[in-house]
Amino acid sequence: MNATIYHNPRCGTSRNTLALLNEAGADVTVIEYLKHPPTVTELARLYARAGISPRDGLRLTEPDAKALADSDADDATILETMTINPIIIQRPLVETDKGVVLARPPETVRTIL
């Protein structure tokens, strides 16, 4: 099985999710999204496939994300801001052939394995 994880190696949740993918024997593509942010189109596709809105994908512990969440910004504005300032993207996002999840908690990834 192939899996792609949008990963931050400094994040314990992201590291634990990656470990679960490896334990499951997945062929994992790791994208360090802070170094290589997804495009607006890619992020929109991932959220649509996960069944969540861009607003649901904001990392609310980041002040910039909290301010954006509290604003009346539309999805396009949120996505554009996420690609410019990827630290506000909640992590980790994981994609397999079975779907996309925001793996919080990490065990959520099992639903798409």
PDB file of N, CA and C in Angstrom:
ATOM      1  N   MET A   1       0.823  -1.165   0.000  1.00  0.00           N
ATOM      2  CA  MET A   1       0.000   0.000   0.000  1.00  0.00           C
ATOM      3  C   MET A   1       0.878   1.243   0.000  1.00  0.00           C
ATOM      4  N   ASN A   2       0.471   2.230  -0.778  1.00  0.00           N
ATOM      5  CA  ASN A   2       1.175   3.502  -0.828  1.00  0.00           C
ATOM      6  C   ASN A   2       0.487   4.498   0.089  1.00  0.00           C
ATOM      7  N   ALA A   3       1.270   5.325   0.730  1.00  0.00           N
ATOM      8  CA  ALA A   3       0.746   6.375   1.595  1.00  0.00           C
ATOM      9  C   ALA A   3       1.623   7.605   1.443  1.00  0.00           C
ATOM     10  N   THR A   4       0.990   8.756   1.532  1.00  0.00           N
ATOM     11  CA  THR A   4       1.706  10.025   1.545  1.00  0.00           C
ATOM     12  C   THR A   4       1.353  10.733   2.838  1.00  0.00           C
ATOM     13  N   ILE A   5       2.375  11.203   3.537  1.00  0.00           N
ATOM     14  CA  ILE A   5       2.159  11.944   4.780  1.00  0.00           C
ATOM     15  C   ILE A   5       2.755  13.334   4.633  1.00  0.00           C
ATOM     16  N   TYR A   6       1.939  14.328   4.957  1.00  0.00           N
ATOM     17  CA  TYR A   6       2.406  15.708   5.025  1.00  0.00           C
ATOM     18  C   TYR A   6       2.868  15.877   6.463  1.00  0.00           C
ATOM     19  N   HIS A   7       4.170  15.924   6.638  1.00  0.00           N
ATOM     20  CA  HIS A   7       4.836  15.616   7.892  1.00  0.00           C
ATOM     21  C   HIS A   7       5.678  16.771   8.390  1.00  0.00           C
ATOM     22  N   ASN A   8       5.699  16.910   9.723  1.00  0.00           N
ATOM     23  CA  ASN A   8       6.632  17.805  10.392  1.00  0.00           C
ATOM     24  C   ASN A   8       7.436  16.935  11.352  1.00  0.00           C
ATOM     25  N   PRO A   9       8.713  16.702  11.077  1.00  0.00           N
ATOM     26  CA  PRO A   9       9.502  15.808  11.922  1.00  0.00           C
ATOM     27  C   PRO A   9       9.667  16.286  13.362  1.00  0.00           C
ATOM     28  N   ARG A  10       9.354  17.542  13.639  1.00  0.00           N
ATOM     29  CA  ARG A  10       9.460  18.060  15.011  1.00  0.00           C
ATOM     30  C   ARG A  10       8.183  17.814  15.815  1.00  0.00           C
ATOM     31  N   CYS A  11       7.153  17.299  15.164  1.00  0.00           N
ATOM     32  CA  CYS A  11       5.846  17.092  15.796  1.00  0.00           C
ATOM     33  C   CYS A  11       5.692  15.637  16.232  1.00  0.00           C
ATOM     34  N   GLY A  12       5.434  15.428  17.513  1.00  0.00           N
ATOM     35  CA  GLY A  12       5.271  14.071  18.036  1.00  0.00           C
ATOM     36  C   GLY A  12       4.108  13.331  17.390  1.00  0.00           C
ATOM     37  N   THR A  13       3.002  14.001  17.173  1.00  0.00           N
ATOM     38  CA  THR A  13       1.847  13.358  16.540  1.00  0.00           C
ATOM     39  C   THR A  13       2.207  12.917  15.132  1.00  0.00           C
ATOM     40  N   SER A  14       2.906  13.751  14.415  1.00  0.00           N
ATOM     41  CA  SER A  14       3.319  13.423  13.053  1.00  0.00           C
ATOM     42  C   SER A  14       4.307  12.247  13.059  1.00  0.00           C
ATOM     43  N   ARG A  15       5.247  12.256  13.990  1.00  0.00           N
ATOM     44  CA  ARG A  15       6.210  11.142  14.083  1.00  0.00           C
ATOM     45  C   ARG A  15       5.496   9.837  14.435  1.00  0.00           C
ATOM     46  N   ASN A  16       4.544   9.900  15.365  1.00  0.00           N
ATOM     47  CA  ASN A  16       3.807   8.696  15.744  1.00  0.00           C
ATOM     48  C   ASN A  16       2.965   8.162  14.588  1.00  0.00           C
ATOM     49  N   THR A  17       2.385   9.053  13.808  1.00  0.00           N
ATOM     50  CA  THR A  17       1.604   8.638  12.644  1.00  0.00           C
ATOM     51  C   THR A  17       2.508   7.975  11.612  1.00  0.00           C
ATOM     52  N   LEU A  18       3.662   8.551  11.376  1.00  0.00           N
ATOM     53  CA  LEU A  18       4.613   7.957  10.446  1.00  0.00           C
ATOM     54  C   LEU A  18       5.030   6.570  10.923  1.00  0.00           C
ATOM     55  N   ALA A  19       5.249   6.407  12.221  1.00  0.00           N
ATOM     56  CA  ALA A  19       5.610   5.098  12.765  1.00  0.00           C
ATOM     57  C   ALA A  19       4.491   4.079  12.525  1.00  0.00           C
ATOM     58  N   LEU A  20       3.237   4.489  12.700  1.00  0.00           N
ATOM     59  CA  LEU A  20       2.113   3.587  12.443  1.00  0.00           C
ATOM     60  C   LEU A  20       2.062   3.169  10.975  1.00  0.00           C
ATOM     61  N   LEU A  21       2.324   4.106  10.093  1.00  0.00           N
ATOM     62  CA  LEU A  21       2.352   3.781   8.660  1.00  0.00           C
ATOM     63  C   LEU A  21       3.460   2.775   8.356  1.00  0.00           C
ATOM     64  N   ASN A  22       4.631   3.002   8.926  1.00  0.00           N
ATOM     65  CA  ASN A  22       5.747   2.083   8.702  1.00  0.00           C
ATOM     66  C   ASN A  22       5.456   0.711   9.288  1.00  0.00           C
ATOM     67  N   GLU A  23       4.869   0.667  10.486  1.00  0.00           N
ATOM     68  CA  GLU A  23       4.522  -0.613  11.110  1.00  0.00           C
ATOM     69  C   GLU A  23       3.507  -1.395  10.276  1.00  0.00           C
ATOM     70  N   ALA A  24       2.638  -0.664   9.572  1.00  0.00           N
ATOM     71  CA  ALA A  24       1.626  -1.306   8.728  1.00  0.00           C
ATOM     72  C   ALA A  24       2.211  -1.780   7.407  1.00  0.00           C
ATOM     73  N   GLY A  25       3.484  -1.478   7.164  1.00  0.00           N
ATOM     74  CA  GLY A  25       4.140  -1.913   5.934  1.00  0.00           C
ATOM     75  C   GLY A  25       3.853  -1.035   4.734  1.00  0.00           C
ATOM     76  N   ALA A  26       3.376   0.170   4.972  1.00  0.00           N
ATOM     77  CA  ALA A  26       3.079   1.080   3.867  1.00  0.00           C
ATOM     78  C   ALA A  26       4.363   1.565   3.201  1.00  0.00           C
ATOM     79  N   ASP A  27       4.268   1.779   1.903  1.00  0.00           N
ATOM     80  CA  ASP A  27       5.336   2.426   1.147  1.00  0.00           C
ATOM     81  C   ASP A  27       5.048   3.923   1.260  1.00  0.00           C
ATOM     82  N   VAL A  28       5.782   4.602   2.145  1.00  0.00           N
ATOM     83  CA  VAL A  28       5.436   5.967   2.543  1.00  0.00           C
ATOM     84  C   VAL A  28       6.267   7.000   1.797  1.00  0.00           C
ATOM     85  N   THR A  29       5.563   7.962   1.231  1.00  0.00           N
ATOM     86  CA  THR A  29       6.186   9.164   0.699  1.00  0.00           C
ATOM     87  C   THR A  29       6.026  10.244   1.758  1.00  0.00           C
ATOM     88  N   VAL A  30       7.137  10.792   2.214  1.00  0.00           N
ATOM     89  CA  VAL A  30       7.113  11.811   3.263  1.00  0.00           C
ATOM     90  C   VAL A  30       7.332  13.173   2.615  1.00  0.00           C
ATOM     91  N   ILE A  31       6.374  14.061   2.843  1.00  0.00           N
ATOM     92  CA  ILE A  31       6.501  15.435   2.361  1.00  0.00           C
ATOM     93  C   ILE A  31       6.601  16.342   3.576  1.00  0.00           C
ATOM     94  N   GLU A  32       7.759  16.939   3.758  1.00  0.00           N
ATOM     95  CA  GLU A  32       7.931  17.905   4.841  1.00  0.00           C
ATOM     96  C   GLU A  32       7.284  19.208   4.373  1.00  0.00           C
ATOM     97  N   TYR A  33       6.028  19.362   4.743  1.00  0.00           N
ATOM     98  CA  TYR A  33       5.211  20.436   4.187  1.00  0.00           C
ATOM     99  C   TYR A  33       5.682  21.837   4.566  1.00  0.00           C
ATOM    100  N   LEU A  34       6.479  21.965   5.619  1.00  0.00           N
ATOM    101  CA  LEU A  34       7.012  23.290   5.940  1.00  0.00           C
ATOM    102  C   LEU A  34       8.087  23.706   4.938  1.00  0.00           C
ATOM    103  N   LYS A  35       8.798  22.724   4.393  1.00  0.00           N
ATOM    104  CA  LYS A  35       9.821  22.994   3.374  1.00  0.00           C
ATOM    105  C   LYS A  35       9.229  22.999   1.976  1.00  0.00           C
ATOM    106  N   HIS A  36       8.198  22.173   1.763  1.00  0.00           N
ATOM    107  CA  HIS A  36       7.571  22.001   0.447  1.00  0.00           C
ATOM    108  C   HIS A  36       6.058  22.063   0.602  1.00  0.00           C
ATOM    109  N   PRO A  37       5.522  23.274   0.805  1.00  0.00           N
ATOM    110  CA  PRO A  37       4.083  23.395   1.041  1.00  0.00           C
ATOM    111  C   PRO A  37       3.272  22.917  -0.165  1.00  0.00           C
ATOM    112  N   PRO A  38       2.106  22.329   0.107  1.00  0.00           N
ATOM    113  CA  PRO A  38       1.236  21.944  -1.005  1.00  0.00           C
ATOM    114  C   PRO A  38       0.696  23.193  -1.696  1.00  0.00           C
ATOM    115  N   THR A  39       0.307  23.039  -2.936  1.00  0.00           N
ATOM    116  CA  THR A  39      -0.324  24.148  -3.662  1.00  0.00           C
ATOM    117  C   THR A  39      -1.756  24.311  -3.167  1.00  0.00           C
ATOM    118  N   VAL A  40      -2.365  25.412  -3.531  1.00  0.00           N
ATOM    119  CA  VAL A  40      -3.765  25.634  -3.197  1.00  0.00           C
ATOM    120  C   VAL A  40      -4.617  24.502  -3.754  1.00  0.00           C
ATOM    121  N   THR A  41      -4.362  24.129  -4.993  1.00  0.00           N
ATOM    122  CA  THR A  41      -5.132  23.066  -5.642  1.00  0.00           C
ATOM    123  C   THR A  41      -4.958  21.744  -4.914  1.00  0.00           C
ATOM    124  N   GLU A  42      -3.739  21.412  -4.558  1.00  0.00           N
ATOM    125  CA  GLU A  42      -3.472  20.143  -3.873  1.00  0.00           C
ATOM    126  C   GLU A  42      -4.105  20.132  -2.484  1.00  0.00           C
ATOM    127  N   LEU A  43      -3.979  21.204  -1.762  1.00  0.00           N
ATOM    128  CA  LEU A  43      -4.559  21.278  -0.424  1.00  0.00           C
ATOM    129  C   LEU A  43      -6.091  21.196  -0.489  1.00  0.00           C
ATOM    130  N   ALA A  44      -6.686  21.879  -1.443  1.00  0.00           N
ATOM    131  CA  ALA A  44      -8.144  21.812  -1.620  1.00  0.00           C
ATOM    132  C   ALA A  44      -8.576  20.385  -1.935  1.00  0.00           C
ATOM    133  N   ARG A  45      -7.819  19.700  -2.780  1.00  0.00           N
ATOM    134  CA  ARG A  45      -8.131  18.315  -3.138  1.00  0.00           C
ATOM    135  C   ARG A  45      -8.047  17.409  -1.914  1.00  0.00           C
ATOM    136  N   LEU A  46      -6.994  17.573  -1.116  1.00  0.00           N
ATOM    137  CA  LEU A  46      -6.816  16.752   0.079  1.00  0.00           C
ATOM    138  C   LEU A  46      -7.969  16.963   1.058  1.00  0.00           C
ATOM    139  N   TYR A  47      -8.326  18.210   1.311  1.00  0.00           N
ATOM    140  CA  TYR A  47      -9.410  18.487   2.250  1.00  0.00           C
ATOM    141  C   TYR A  47     -10.739  17.959   1.728  1.00  0.00           C
ATOM    142  N   ALA A  48     -10.979  18.116   0.437  1.00  0.00           N
ATOM    143  CA  ALA A  48     -12.225  17.594  -0.137  1.00  0.00           C
ATOM    144  C   ALA A  48     -12.282  16.078   0.029  1.00  0.00           C
ATOM    145  N   ARG A  49     -11.189  15.423  -0.234  1.00  0.00           N
ATOM    146  CA  ARG A  49     -11.137  13.969  -0.102  1.00  0.00           C
ATOM    147  C   ARG A  49     -11.287  13.533   1.353  1.00  0.00           C
ATOM    148  N   ALA A  50     -10.818  14.346   2.284  1.00  0.00           N
ATOM    149  CA  ALA A  50     -10.942  14.042   3.714  1.00  0.00           C
ATOM    150  C   ALA A  50     -12.334  14.389   4.247  1.00  0.00           C
ATOM    151  N   GLY A  51     -13.083  15.161   3.464  1.00  0.00           N
ATOM    152  CA  GLY A  51     -14.410  15.574   3.899  1.00  0.00           C
ATOM    153  C   GLY A  51     -14.391  16.661   4.959  1.00  0.00           C
ATOM    154  N   ILE A  52     -13.333  17.481   4.921  1.00  0.00           N
ATOM    155  CA  ILE A  52     -13.235  18.589   5.865  1.00  0.00           C
ATOM    156  C   ILE A  52     -13.048  19.896   5.097  1.00  0.00           C
ATOM    157  N   SER A  53     -13.347  20.989   5.756  1.00  0.00           N
ATOM    158  CA  SER A  53     -13.162  22.296   5.131  1.00  0.00           C
ATOM    159  C   SER A  53     -11.751  22.803   5.408  1.00  0.00           C
ATOM    160  N   PRO A  54     -11.288  23.745   4.610  1.00  0.00           N
ATOM    161  CA  PRO A  54      -9.993  24.350   4.917  1.00  0.00           C
ATOM    162  C   PRO A  54      -9.949  24.931   6.332  1.00  0.00           C
ATOM    163  N   ARG A  55     -11.044  25.503   6.781  1.00  0.00           N
ATOM    164  CA  ARG A  55     -11.092  26.049   8.140  1.00  0.00           C
ATOM    165  C   ARG A  55     -10.846  24.942   9.165  1.00  0.00           C
ATOM    166  N   ASP A  56     -11.369  23.732   8.901  1.00  0.00           N
ATOM    167  CA  ASP A  56     -11.138  22.590   9.788  1.00  0.00           C
ATOM    168  C   ASP A  56      -9.673  22.161   9.793  1.00  0.00           C
ATOM    169  N   GLY A  57      -8.932  22.530   8.748  1.00  0.00           N
ATOM    170  CA  GLY A  57      -7.536  22.157   8.627  1.00  0.00           C
ATOM    171  C   GLY A  57      -6.569  23.159   9.225  1.00  0.00           C
ATOM    172  N   LEU A  58      -7.084  24.190   9.882  1.00  0.00           N
ATOM    173  CA  LEU A  58      -6.209  25.182  10.499  1.00  0.00           C
ATOM    174  C   LEU A  58      -5.650  24.669  11.821  1.00  0.00           C
ATOM    175  N   ARG A  59      -4.392  24.947  12.038  1.00  0.00           N
ATOM    176  CA  ARG A  59      -3.721  24.594  13.292  1.00  0.00           C
ATOM    177  C   ARG A  59      -3.944  25.739  14.284  1.00  0.00           C
ATOM    178  N   LEU A  60      -5.002  25.622  15.061  1.00  0.00           N
ATOM    179  CA  LEU A  60      -5.478  26.737  15.884  1.00  0.00           C
ATOM    180  C   LEU A  60      -4.550  27.125  17.018  1.00  0.00           C
ATOM    181  N   THR A  61      -3.530  26.322  17.292  1.00  0.00           N
ATOM    182  CA  THR A  61      -2.547  26.726  18.304  1.00  0.00           C
ATOM    183  C   THR A  61      -1.591  27.787  17.765  1.00  0.00           C
ATOM    184  N   GLU A  62      -1.630  28.013  16.482  1.00  0.00           N
ATOM    185  CA  GLU A  62      -0.815  29.068  15.868  1.00  0.00           C
ATOM    186  C   GLU A  62      -1.633  30.356  15.834  1.00  0.00           C
ATOM    187  N   PRO A  63      -1.084  31.460  16.349  1.00  0.00           N
ATOM    188  CA  PRO A  63      -1.845  32.718  16.392  1.00  0.00           C
ATOM    189  C   PRO A  63      -2.399  33.149  15.029  1.00  0.00           C
ATOM    190  N   ASP A  64      -1.613  33.001  13.974  1.00  0.00           N
ATOM    191  CA  ASP A  64      -2.092  33.404  12.646  1.00  0.00           C
ATOM    192  C   ASP A  64      -3.285  32.557  12.212  1.00  0.00           C
ATOM    193  N   ALA A  65      -3.286  31.279  12.560  1.00  0.00           N
ATOM    194  CA  ALA A  65      -4.403  30.404  12.208  1.00  0.00           C
ATOM    195  C   ALA A  65      -5.640  30.768  13.016  1.00  0.00           C
ATOM    196  N   LYS A  66      -5.453  31.052  14.281  1.00  0.00           N
ATOM    197  CA  LYS A  66      -6.571  31.420  15.149  1.00  0.00           C
ATOM    198  C   LYS A  66      -7.226  32.695  14.636  1.00  0.00           C
ATOM    199  N   ALA A  67      -6.420  33.676  14.258  1.00  0.00           N
ATOM    200  CA  ALA A  67      -6.953  34.930  13.726  1.00  0.00           C
ATOM    201  C   ALA A  67      -7.731  34.682  12.440  1.00  0.00           C
ATOM    202  N   LEU A  68      -7.208  33.815  11.594  1.00  0.00           N
ATOM    203  CA  LEU A  68      -7.879  33.487  10.340  1.00  0.00           C
ATOM    204  C   LEU A  68      -9.193  32.752  10.601  1.00  0.00           C
ATOM    205  N   ALA A  69      -9.197  31.832  11.544  1.00  0.00           N
ATOM    206  CA  ALA A  69     -10.400  31.078  11.883  1.00  0.00           C
ATOM    207  C   ALA A  69     -11.486  31.993  12.438  1.00  0.00           C
ATOM    208  N   ASP A  70     -11.067  33.011  13.175  1.00  0.00           N
ATOM    209  CA  ASP A  70     -12.017  33.936  13.782  1.00  0.00           C
ATOM    210  C   ASP A  70     -12.505  35.010  12.812  1.00  0.00           C
ATOM    211  N   SER A  71     -11.932  35.032  11.617  1.00  0.00           N
ATOM    212  CA  SER A  71     -12.319  36.035  10.619  1.00  0.00           C
ATOM    213  C   SER A  71     -13.445  35.480   9.746  1.00  0.00           C
ATOM    214  N   ASP A  72     -13.900  36.303   8.817  1.00  0.00           N
ATOM    215  CA  ASP A  72     -14.921  35.847   7.873  1.00  0.00           C
ATOM    216  C   ASP A  72     -14.281  35.419   6.543  1.00  0.00           C
ATOM    217  N   ALA A  73     -13.019  35.013   6.588  1.00  0.00           N
ATOM    218  CA  ALA A  73     -12.293  34.600   5.385  1.00  0.00           C
ATOM    219  C   ALA A  73     -12.982  33.406   4.732  1.00  0.00           C
ATOM    220  N   ASP A  74     -13.011  33.429   3.407  1.00  0.00           N
ATOM    221  CA  ASP A  74     -13.596  32.304   2.676  1.00  0.00           C
ATOM    222  C   ASP A  74     -12.539  31.214   2.478  1.00  0.00           C
ATOM    223  N   ASP A  75     -12.980  30.058   1.956  1.00  0.00           N
ATOM    224  CA  ASP A  75     -12.073  28.924   1.780  1.00  0.00           C
ATOM    225  C   ASP A  75     -10.872  29.271   0.908  1.00  0.00           C
ATOM    226  N   ALA A  76     -11.103  30.019  -0.163  1.00  0.00           N
ATOM    227  CA  ALA A  76      -9.999  30.366  -1.071  1.00  0.00           C
ATOM    228  C   ALA A  76      -8.927  31.187  -0.340  1.00  0.00           C
ATOM    229  N   THR A  77      -9.355  32.111   0.496  1.00  0.00           N
ATOM    230  CA  THR A  77      -8.413  32.937   1.254  1.00  0.00           C
ATOM    231  C   THR A  77      -7.655  32.091   2.264  1.00  0.00           C
ATOM    232  N   ILE A  78      -8.358  31.198   2.932  1.00  0.00           N
ATOM    233  CA  ILE A  78      -7.708  30.324   3.911  1.00  0.00           C
ATOM    234  C   ILE A  78      -6.671  29.439   3.228  1.00  0.00           C
ATOM    235  N   LEU A  79      -7.038  28.836   2.104  1.00  0.00           N
ATOM    236  CA  LEU A  79      -6.097  27.965   1.384  1.00  0.00           C
ATOM    237  C   LEU A  79      -4.867  28.743   0.919  1.00  0.00           C
ATOM    238  N   GLU A  80      -5.078  29.912   0.378  1.00  0.00           N
ATOM    239  CA  GLU A  80      -3.961  30.736  -0.103  1.00  0.00           C
ATOM    240  C   GLU A  80      -3.032  31.086   1.065  1.00  0.00           C
ATOM    241  N   THR A  81      -3.599  31.455   2.189  1.00  0.00           N
ATOM    242  CA  THR A  81      -2.800  31.806   3.360  1.00  0.00           C
ATOM    243  C   THR A  81      -2.030  30.592   3.868  1.00  0.00           C
ATOM    244  N   MET A  82      -2.652  29.420   3.836  1.00  0.00           N
ATOM    245  CA  MET A  82      -1.974  28.192   4.266  1.00  0.00           C
ATOM    246  C   MET A  82      -0.749  27.893   3.405  1.00  0.00           C
ATOM    247  N   THR A  83      -0.849  28.127   2.115  1.00  0.00           N
ATOM    248  CA  THR A  83       0.293  27.829   1.244  1.00  0.00           C
ATOM    249  C   THR A  83       1.420  28.838   1.426  1.00  0.00           C
ATOM    250  N   ILE A  84       1.065  30.044   1.807  1.00  0.00           N
ATOM    251  CA  ILE A  84       2.068  31.077   2.056  1.00  0.00           C
ATOM    252  C   ILE A  84       2.713  30.880   3.430  1.00  0.00           C
ATOM    253  N   ASN A  85       1.927  30.454   4.399  1.00  0.00           N
ATOM    254  CA  ASN A  85       2.379  30.304   5.782  1.00  0.00           C
ATOM    255  C   ASN A  85       2.005  28.886   6.261  1.00  0.00           C
ATOM    256  N   PRO A  86       2.709  27.862   5.777  1.00  0.00           N
ATOM    257  CA  PRO A  86       2.285  26.476   6.022  1.00  0.00           C
ATOM    258  C   PRO A  86       2.286  26.028   7.480  1.00  0.00           C
ATOM    259  N   ILE A  87       2.900  26.788   8.376  1.00  0.00           N
ATOM    260  CA  ILE A  87       2.874  26.405   9.794  1.00  0.00           C
ATOM    261  C   ILE A  87       1.437  26.382  10.318  1.00  0.00           C
ATOM    262  N   ILE A  88       0.517  27.072   9.654  1.00  0.00           N
ATOM    263  CA  ILE A  88      -0.867  27.104  10.124  1.00  0.00           C
ATOM    264  C   ILE A  88      -1.687  25.907   9.641  1.00  0.00           C
ATOM    265  N   ILE A  89      -1.069  25.017   8.865  1.00  0.00           N
ATOM    266  CA  ILE A  89      -1.746  23.791   8.415  1.00  0.00           C
ATOM    267  C   ILE A  89      -1.665  22.758   9.531  1.00  0.00           C
ATOM    268  N   GLN A  90      -2.822  22.244   9.942  1.00  0.00           N
ATOM    269  CA  GLN A  90      -2.845  21.178  10.945  1.00  0.00           C
ATOM    270  C   GLN A  90      -2.230  19.916  10.354  1.00  0.00           C
ATOM    271  N   ARG A  91      -1.502  19.202  11.134  1.00  0.00           N
ATOM    272  CA  ARG A  91      -0.778  18.036  10.666  1.00  0.00           C
ATOM    273  C   ARG A  91      -1.029  16.850  11.573  1.00  0.00           C
ATOM    274  N   PRO A  92      -0.717  15.690  11.089  1.00  0.00           N
ATOM    275  CA  PRO A  92      -0.324  15.322   9.735  1.00  0.00           C
ATOM    276  C   PRO A  92      -1.538  14.952   8.881  1.00  0.00           C
ATOM    277  N   LEU A  93      -1.469  15.317   7.640  1.00  0.00           N
ATOM    278  CA  LEU A  93      -2.431  14.844   6.648  1.00  0.00           C
ATOM    279  C   LEU A  93      -1.836  13.599   6.025  1.00  0.00           C
ATOM    280  N   VAL A  94      -2.656  12.561   5.886  1.00  0.00           N
ATOM    281  CA  VAL A  94      -2.184  11.310   5.302  1.00  0.00           C
ATOM    282  C   VAL A  94      -3.162  10.892   4.207  1.00  0.00           C
ATOM    283  N   GLU A  95      -2.612  10.475   3.073  1.00  0.00           N
ATOM    284  CA  GLU A  95      -3.429  10.013   1.947  1.00  0.00           C
ATOM    285  C   GLU A  95      -3.013   8.612   1.534  1.00  0.00           C
ATOM    286  N   THR A  96      -4.005   7.751   1.335  1.00  0.00           N
ATOM    287  CA  THR A  96      -3.810   6.437   0.723  1.00  0.00           C
ATOM    288  C   THR A  96      -4.894   6.282  -0.343  1.00  0.00           C
ATOM    289  N   ASP A  97      -4.902   5.133  -1.004  1.00  0.00           N
ATOM    290  CA  ASP A  97      -5.952   4.873  -1.987  1.00  0.00           C
ATOM    291  C   ASP A  97      -7.338   4.866  -1.347  1.00  0.00           C
ATOM    292  N   LYS A  98      -7.402   4.616  -0.047  1.00  0.00           N
ATOM    293  CA  LYS A  98      -8.685   4.531   0.655  1.00  0.00           C
ATOM    294  C   LYS A  98      -9.206   5.882   1.133  1.00  0.00           C
ATOM    295  N   GLY A  99      -8.386   6.933   1.054  1.00  0.00           N
ATOM    296  CA  GLY A  99      -8.854   8.241   1.475  1.00  0.00           C
ATOM    297  C   GLY A  99      -7.774   9.108   2.081  1.00  0.00           C
ATOM    298  N   VAL A 100      -8.221  10.176   2.706  1.00  0.00           N
ATOM    299  CA  VAL A 100      -7.344  11.149   3.360  1.00  0.00           C
ATOM    300  C   VAL A 100      -7.875  11.380   4.770  1.00  0.00           C
ATOM    301  N   VAL A 101      -6.965  11.438   5.727  1.00  0.00           N
ATOM    302  CA  VAL A 101      -7.337  11.787   7.100  1.00  0.00           C
ATOM    303  C   VAL A 101      -6.368  12.817   7.648  1.00  0.00           C
ATOM    304  N   LEU A 102      -6.907  13.604   8.550  1.00  0.00           N
ATOM    305  CA  LEU A 102      -6.084  14.436   9.402  1.00  0.00           C
ATOM    306  C   LEU A 102      -5.852  13.562  10.626  1.00  0.00           C
ATOM    307  N   ALA A 103      -4.663  13.022  10.743  1.00  0.00           N
ATOM    308  CA  ALA A 103      -4.372  11.966  11.723  1.00  0.00           C
ATOM    309  C   ALA A 103      -4.134  12.526  13.117  1.00  0.00           C
ATOM    310  N   ARG A 104      -5.186  13.042  13.699  1.00  0.00           N
ATOM    311  CA  ARG A 104      -5.178  13.534  15.069  1.00  0.00           C
ATOM    312  C   ARG A 104      -6.369  12.917  15.758  1.00  0.00           C
ATOM    313  N   PRO A 105      -6.189  11.946  16.557  1.00  0.00           N
ATOM    314  CA  PRO A 105      -4.944  11.329  17.023  1.00  0.00           C
ATOM    315  C   PRO A 105      -4.340  10.424  15.945  1.00  0.00           C
ATOM    316  N   PRO A 106      -3.082  10.032  16.122  1.00  0.00           N
ATOM    317  CA  PRO A 106      -2.390   9.235  15.108  1.00  0.00           C
ATOM    318  C   PRO A 106      -3.140   7.974  14.696  1.00  0.00           C
ATOM    319  N   GLU A 107      -3.847   7.346  15.635  1.00  0.00           N
ATOM    320  CA  GLU A 107      -4.540   6.093  15.340  1.00  0.00           C
ATOM    321  C   GLU A 107      -5.623   6.262  14.264  1.00  0.00           C
ATOM    322  N   THR A 108      -6.032   7.488  14.015  1.00  0.00           N
ATOM    323  CA  THR A 108      -7.018   7.763  12.970  1.00  0.00           C
ATOM    324  C   THR A 108      -6.545   7.262  11.616  1.00  0.00           C
ATOM    325  N   VAL A 109      -5.235   7.194  11.434  1.00  0.00           N
ATOM    326  CA  VAL A 109      -4.680   6.757  10.156  1.00  0.00           C
ATOM    327  C   VAL A 109      -5.093   5.326   9.833  1.00  0.00           C
ATOM    328  N   ARG A 110      -5.391   4.550  10.827  1.00  0.00           N
ATOM    329  CA  ARG A 110      -5.776   3.140  10.594  1.00  0.00           C
ATOM    330  C   ARG A 110      -7.061   3.031   9.759  1.00  0.00           C
ATOM    331  N   THR A 111      -7.872   4.064   9.753  1.00  0.00           N
ATOM    332  CA  THR A 111      -9.117   4.018   8.987  1.00  0.00           C
ATOM    333  C   THR A 111      -8.897   4.014   7.482  1.00  0.00           C
ATOM    334  N   ILE A 112      -7.691   4.396   7.050  1.00  0.00           N
ATOM    335  CA  ILE A 112      -7.409   4.411   5.607  1.00  0.00           C
ATOM    336  C   ILE A 112      -6.292   3.446   5.214  1.00  0.00           C
ATOM    337  N   LEU A 113      -5.973   2.524   6.094  1.00  0.00           N
ATOM    338  CA  LEU A 113      -4.940   1.528   5.780  1.00  0.00           C
ATOM    339  C   LEU A 113      -5.573   0.296   5.168  1.00  0.00           C
TER     340      LEU A 113
END
